[in-house]
């Protein structure tokens, strides 16, 4: 029997230089200022189910990208290219890009309960010295680190 292929959504775990204020209220995290993108991704997924919602909205796109990726790897192999170590790499890259674009495009607003978030509507932005930026920014994109560090991969 063959191995099971599992598609994962997550982030590269990077510490925040200045932790978002919303993270300071949650007892499940370490001391304020020690949060990482992994902490934020876990918190966002537990509260809003962003990855789960993305998959539900884009299931056919995800399946198509994975199939095309494997198809391309097989075609390359048949044309004499050396075997790839990850036949899903092209597909996971396109899925990752699509997820990030959907965050920027506010595609989850009105789909996920609580989106747009109050912080997004108020323009909370921890990249700015004042802590405020333009109102009605995309939800889940405060510093941009969560979005930038988002990854999709296969085990």
C-alpha atoms as a PDB file:
ATOM      1  CA  UNK A   1       0.000   0.000   0.000  1.00  0.00           C
ATOM      2  CA  UNK A   2       1.327   3.451  -0.933  1.00  0.00           C
ATOM      3  CA  UNK A   3       1.992   6.457   1.229  1.00  0.00           C
ATOM      4  CA  UNK A   4      -0.798   8.900   1.982  1.00  0.00           C
ATOM      5  CA  UNK A   5      -0.277  12.388   0.586  1.00  0.00           C
ATOM      6  CA  UNK A   6      -1.342  15.180   2.959  1.00  0.00           C
ATOM      7  CA  UNK A   7      -1.762  18.792   1.877  1.00  0.00           C
ATOM      8  CA  UNK A   8      -0.795  21.254   4.607  1.00  0.00           C
ATOM      9  CA  UNK A   9      -1.560  24.949   5.059  1.00  0.00           C
ATOM     10  CA  UNK A  10       0.583  26.882   7.511  1.00  0.00           C
ATOM     11  CA  UNK A  11       3.324  29.435   7.924  1.00  0.00           C
ATOM     12  CA  UNK A  12       7.059  29.684   8.214  1.00  0.00           C
ATOM     13  CA  UNK A  13       7.401  30.329  11.958  1.00  0.00           C
ATOM     14  CA  UNK A  14       8.915  33.811  12.321  1.00  0.00           C
ATOM     15  CA  UNK A  15       8.913  35.951  15.475  1.00  0.00           C
ATOM     16  CA  UNK A  16       7.100  39.275  15.358  1.00  0.00           C
ATOM     17  CA  UNK A  17       9.328  42.263  16.135  1.00  0.00           C
ATOM     18  CA  UNK A  18       6.350  44.074  17.685  1.00  0.00           C
ATOM     19  CA  UNK A  19       3.573  41.666  18.590  1.00  0.00           C
ATOM     20  CA  UNK A  20       0.050  42.682  17.549  1.00  0.00           C
ATOM     21  CA  UNK A  21      -1.927  44.091  20.508  1.00  0.00           C
ATOM     22  CA  UNK A  22      -4.725  41.597  19.923  1.00  0.00           C
ATOM     23  CA  UNK A  23      -2.331  38.797  20.801  1.00  0.00           C
ATOM     24  CA  UNK A  24      -1.622  40.249  24.262  1.00  0.00           C
ATOM     25  CA  UNK A  25      -5.162  39.454  25.454  1.00  0.00           C
ATOM     26  CA  UNK A  26      -4.933  35.734  24.784  1.00  0.00           C
ATOM     27  CA  UNK A  27      -3.820  33.575  27.689  1.00  0.00           C
ATOM     28  CA  UNK A  28      -2.844  30.749  25.324  1.00  0.00           C
ATOM     29  CA  UNK A  29       0.280  32.567  24.182  1.00  0.00           C
ATOM     30  CA  UNK A  30       3.557  33.367  25.891  1.00  0.00           C
ATOM     31  CA  UNK A  31       4.497  36.761  27.294  1.00  0.00           C
ATOM     32  CA  UNK A  32       3.537  39.742  25.168  1.00  0.00           C
ATOM     33  CA  UNK A  33       6.146  40.378  22.506  1.00  0.00           C
ATOM     34  CA  UNK A  34       7.101  36.719  22.048  1.00  0.00           C
ATOM     35  CA  UNK A  35       4.460  35.804  19.461  1.00  0.00           C
ATOM     36  CA  UNK A  36       5.409  34.186  16.185  1.00  0.00           C
ATOM     37  CA  UNK A  37       3.631  33.752  12.887  1.00  0.00           C
ATOM     38  CA  UNK A  38       2.902  30.189  14.029  1.00  0.00           C
ATOM     39  CA  UNK A  39       1.082  31.540  17.102  1.00  0.00           C
ATOM     40  CA  UNK A  40      -0.894  33.990  14.976  1.00  0.00           C
ATOM     41  CA  UNK A  41      -1.768  31.340  12.360  1.00  0.00           C
ATOM     42  CA  UNK A  42      -2.993  28.988  15.105  1.00  0.00           C
ATOM     43  CA  UNK A  43      -5.024  31.743  16.729  1.00  0.00           C
ATOM     44  CA  UNK A  44      -6.545  32.839  13.394  1.00  0.00           C
ATOM     45  CA  UNK A  45      -7.373  29.275  12.389  1.00  0.00           C
ATOM     46  CA  UNK A  46      -8.947  28.471  15.768  1.00  0.00           C
ATOM     47  CA  UNK A  47     -11.038  31.655  15.735  1.00  0.00           C
ATOM     48  CA  UNK A  48     -11.824  32.157  12.034  1.00  0.00           C
ATOM     49  CA  UNK A  49     -10.939  28.866  10.258  1.00  0.00           C
ATOM     50  CA  UNK A  50      -9.227  30.787   7.448  1.00  0.00           C
ATOM     51  CA  UNK A  51      -7.385  27.823   5.902  1.00  0.00           C
ATOM     52  CA  UNK A  52     -10.427  25.587   6.236  1.00  0.00           C
ATOM     53  CA  UNK A  53     -12.629  28.231   4.621  1.00  0.00           C
ATOM     54  CA  UNK A  54     -10.116  28.793   1.817  1.00  0.00           C
ATOM     55  CA  UNK A  55     -10.090  25.088   1.045  1.00  0.00           C
ATOM     56  CA  UNK A  56     -13.882  24.940   1.082  1.00  0.00           C
ATOM     57  CA  UNK A  57     -14.102  27.889  -1.307  1.00  0.00           C
ATOM     58  CA  UNK A  58     -11.322  26.717  -3.626  1.00  0.00           C
ATOM     59  CA  UNK A  59     -11.433  22.906  -3.392  1.00  0.00           C
ATOM     60  CA  UNK A  60     -11.697  22.377  -7.158  1.00  0.00           C
ATOM     61  CA  UNK A  61      -8.897  24.880  -7.833  1.00  0.00           C
ATOM     62  CA  UNK A  62      -6.698  23.061  -5.286  1.00  0.00           C
ATOM     63  CA  UNK A  63      -7.463  19.665  -6.849  1.00  0.00           C
ATOM     64  CA  UNK A  64      -6.775  20.997 -10.342  1.00  0.00           C
ATOM     65  CA  UNK A  65      -3.439  22.527  -9.323  1.00  0.00           C
ATOM     66  CA  UNK A  66      -2.300  19.321  -7.638  1.00  0.00           C
ATOM     67  CA  UNK A  67      -3.310  17.220 -10.658  1.00  0.00           C
ATOM     68  CA  UNK A  68      -1.601  19.577 -13.117  1.00  0.00           C
ATOM     69  CA  UNK A  69       1.539  19.572 -11.003  1.00  0.00           C
ATOM     70  CA  UNK A  70       1.783  15.773 -10.981  1.00  0.00           C
ATOM     71  CA  UNK A  71       0.921  15.649 -14.679  1.00  0.00           C
ATOM     72  CA  UNK A  72       3.757  18.080 -15.423  1.00  0.00           C
ATOM     73  CA  UNK A  73       6.212  16.054 -13.343  1.00  0.00           C
ATOM     74  CA  UNK A  74       5.257  12.849 -15.186  1.00  0.00           C
ATOM     75  CA  UNK A  75       5.526  14.553 -18.585  1.00  0.00           C
ATOM     76  CA  UNK A  76       8.988  15.858 -17.693  1.00  0.00           C
ATOM     77  CA  UNK A  77      10.048  12.387 -16.565  1.00  0.00           C
ATOM     78  CA  UNK A  78       8.781  10.848 -19.808  1.00  0.00           C
ATOM     79  CA  UNK A  79      10.772  13.424 -21.794  1.00  0.00           C
ATOM     80  CA  UNK A  80      13.964  12.354 -20.028  1.00  0.00           C
ATOM     81  CA  UNK A  81      14.229  14.883 -17.200  1.00  0.00           C
ATOM     82  CA  UNK A  82      15.494  13.530 -13.888  1.00  0.00           C
ATOM     83  CA  UNK A  83      12.782  12.667 -11.346  1.00  0.00           C
ATOM     84  CA  UNK A  84      11.674  15.583  -9.207  1.00  0.00           C
ATOM     85  CA  UNK A  85      11.878  15.358  -5.435  1.00  0.00           C
ATOM     86  CA  UNK A  86       8.458  17.032  -5.126  1.00  0.00           C
ATOM     87  CA  UNK A  87       5.991  16.442  -7.961  1.00  0.00           C
ATOM     88  CA  UNK A  88       3.485  18.693  -6.139  1.00  0.00           C
ATOM     89  CA  UNK A  89       5.741  21.753  -5.899  1.00  0.00           C
ATOM     90  CA  UNK A  90       4.269  23.671  -8.851  1.00  0.00           C
ATOM     91  CA  UNK A  91       0.745  23.070  -7.557  1.00  0.00           C
ATOM     92  CA  UNK A  92       1.446  24.021  -3.956  1.00  0.00           C
ATOM     93  CA  UNK A  93       3.128  27.213  -5.157  1.00  0.00           C
ATOM     94  CA  UNK A  94       0.032  28.228  -7.139  1.00  0.00           C
ATOM     95  CA  UNK A  95      -2.272  27.389  -4.223  1.00  0.00           C
ATOM     96  CA  UNK A  96      -0.096  29.413  -1.842  1.00  0.00           C
ATOM     97  CA  UNK A  97      -0.159  32.389  -4.211  1.00  0.00           C
ATOM     98  CA  UNK A  98      -3.942  32.108  -4.611  1.00  0.00           C
ATOM     99  CA  UNK A  99      -4.449  32.038  -0.818  1.00  0.00           C
ATOM    100  CA  UNK A 100      -2.343  35.174  -0.375  1.00  0.00           C
ATOM    101  CA  UNK A 101      -4.219  36.953  -3.190  1.00  0.00           C
ATOM    102  CA  UNK A 102      -7.560  36.038  -1.622  1.00  0.00           C
ATOM    103  CA  UNK A 103      -6.444  37.574   1.682  1.00  0.00           C
ATOM    104  CA  UNK A 104      -5.469  40.801  -0.113  1.00  0.00           C
ATOM    105  CA  UNK A 105      -8.685  40.837  -2.141  1.00  0.00           C
ATOM    106  CA  UNK A 106     -10.847  40.572   1.012  1.00  0.00           C
ATOM    107  CA  UNK A 107     -12.384  37.391  -0.422  1.00  0.00           C
ATOM    108  CA  UNK A 108     -13.259  36.130   3.067  1.00  0.00           C
ATOM    109  CA  UNK A 109     -15.282  39.236   4.018  1.00  0.00           C
ATOM    110  CA  UNK A 110     -18.878  38.207   4.553  1.00  0.00           C
ATOM    111  CA  UNK A 111     -17.917  34.528   4.186  1.00  0.00           C
ATOM    112  CA  UNK A 112     -16.137  34.064   7.523  1.00  0.00           C
ATOM    113  CA  UNK A 113     -18.077  35.165  10.610  1.00  0.00           C
ATOM    114  CA  UNK A 114     -16.275  38.229  11.980  1.00  0.00           C
ATOM    115  CA  UNK A 115     -14.738  39.232   8.637  1.00  0.00           C
ATOM    116  CA  UNK A 116     -14.057  42.016   8.049  1.00  0.00           C
ATOM    117  CA  UNK A 117     -12.550  42.283  11.501  1.00  0.00           C
ATOM    118  CA  UNK A 118     -12.975  45.371  13.626  1.00  0.00           C
ATOM    119  CA  UNK A 119      -9.203  45.942  13.510  1.00  0.00           C
ATOM    120  CA  UNK A 120      -9.265  45.859   9.697  1.00  0.00           C
ATOM    121  CA  UNK A 121     -12.208  48.253   9.540  1.00  0.00           C
ATOM    122  CA  UNK A 122     -10.442  50.643  11.914  1.00  0.00           C
ATOM    123  CA  UNK A 123      -7.162  50.452  10.006  1.00  0.00           C
ATOM    124  CA  UNK A 124      -5.050  48.962  12.801  1.00  0.00           C
ATOM    125  CA  UNK A 125      -1.563  48.600  11.349  1.00  0.00           C
ATOM    126  CA  UNK A 126       1.402  47.717  13.554  1.00  0.00           C
ATOM    127  CA  UNK A 127       3.852  48.626  10.774  1.00  0.00           C
ATOM    128  CA  UNK A 128       2.943  52.270  11.315  1.00  0.00           C
ATOM    129  CA  UNK A 129       4.390  54.245  14.217  1.00  0.00           C
ATOM    130  CA  UNK A 130       0.906  55.536  15.049  1.00  0.00           C
ATOM    131  CA  UNK A 131      -0.554  52.008  14.891  1.00  0.00           C
ATOM    132  CA  UNK A 132      -3.107  53.196  12.335  1.00  0.00           C
ATOM    133  CA  UNK A 133      -3.218  52.994   8.572  1.00  0.00           C
ATOM    134  CA  UNK A 134      -5.965  53.320   5.982  1.00  0.00           C
ATOM    135  CA  UNK A 135      -9.372  52.163   7.216  1.00  0.00           C
ATOM    136  CA  UNK A 136     -10.922  49.032   5.738  1.00  0.00           C
ATOM    137  CA  UNK A 137      -7.677  47.187   5.102  1.00  0.00           C
ATOM    138  CA  UNK A 138      -7.928  43.432   4.428  1.00  0.00           C
ATOM    139  CA  UNK A 139      -8.565  41.292   7.509  1.00  0.00           C
ATOM    140  CA  UNK A 140      -5.706  39.098   8.809  1.00  0.00           C
ATOM    141  CA  UNK A 141      -3.140  41.432   7.225  1.00  0.00           C
ATOM    142  CA  UNK A 142      -1.901  43.717   9.983  1.00  0.00           C
ATOM    143  CA  UNK A 143       1.870  43.655   9.690  1.00  0.00           C
ATOM    144  CA  UNK A 144       1.771  41.479   6.552  1.00  0.00           C
ATOM    145  CA  UNK A 145       4.013  38.844   8.128  1.00  0.00           C
ATOM    146  CA  UNK A 146       1.258  36.211   8.427  1.00  0.00           C
ATOM    147  CA  UNK A 147       0.402  36.580   4.749  1.00  0.00           C
ATOM    148  CA  UNK A 148       4.029  36.696   3.603  1.00  0.00           C
ATOM    149  CA  UNK A 149       5.008  33.629   5.648  1.00  0.00           C
ATOM    150  CA  UNK A 150       1.991  31.518   4.580  1.00  0.00           C
ATOM    151  CA  UNK A 151       3.046  28.212   2.998  1.00  0.00           C
ATOM    152  CA  UNK A 152       1.365  25.237   1.380  1.00  0.00           C
ATOM    153  CA  UNK A 153       3.206  21.913   1.189  1.00  0.00           C
ATOM    154  CA  UNK A 154       2.698  18.166   0.874  1.00  0.00           C
ATOM    155  CA  UNK A 155       3.943  15.368   3.122  1.00  0.00           C
END
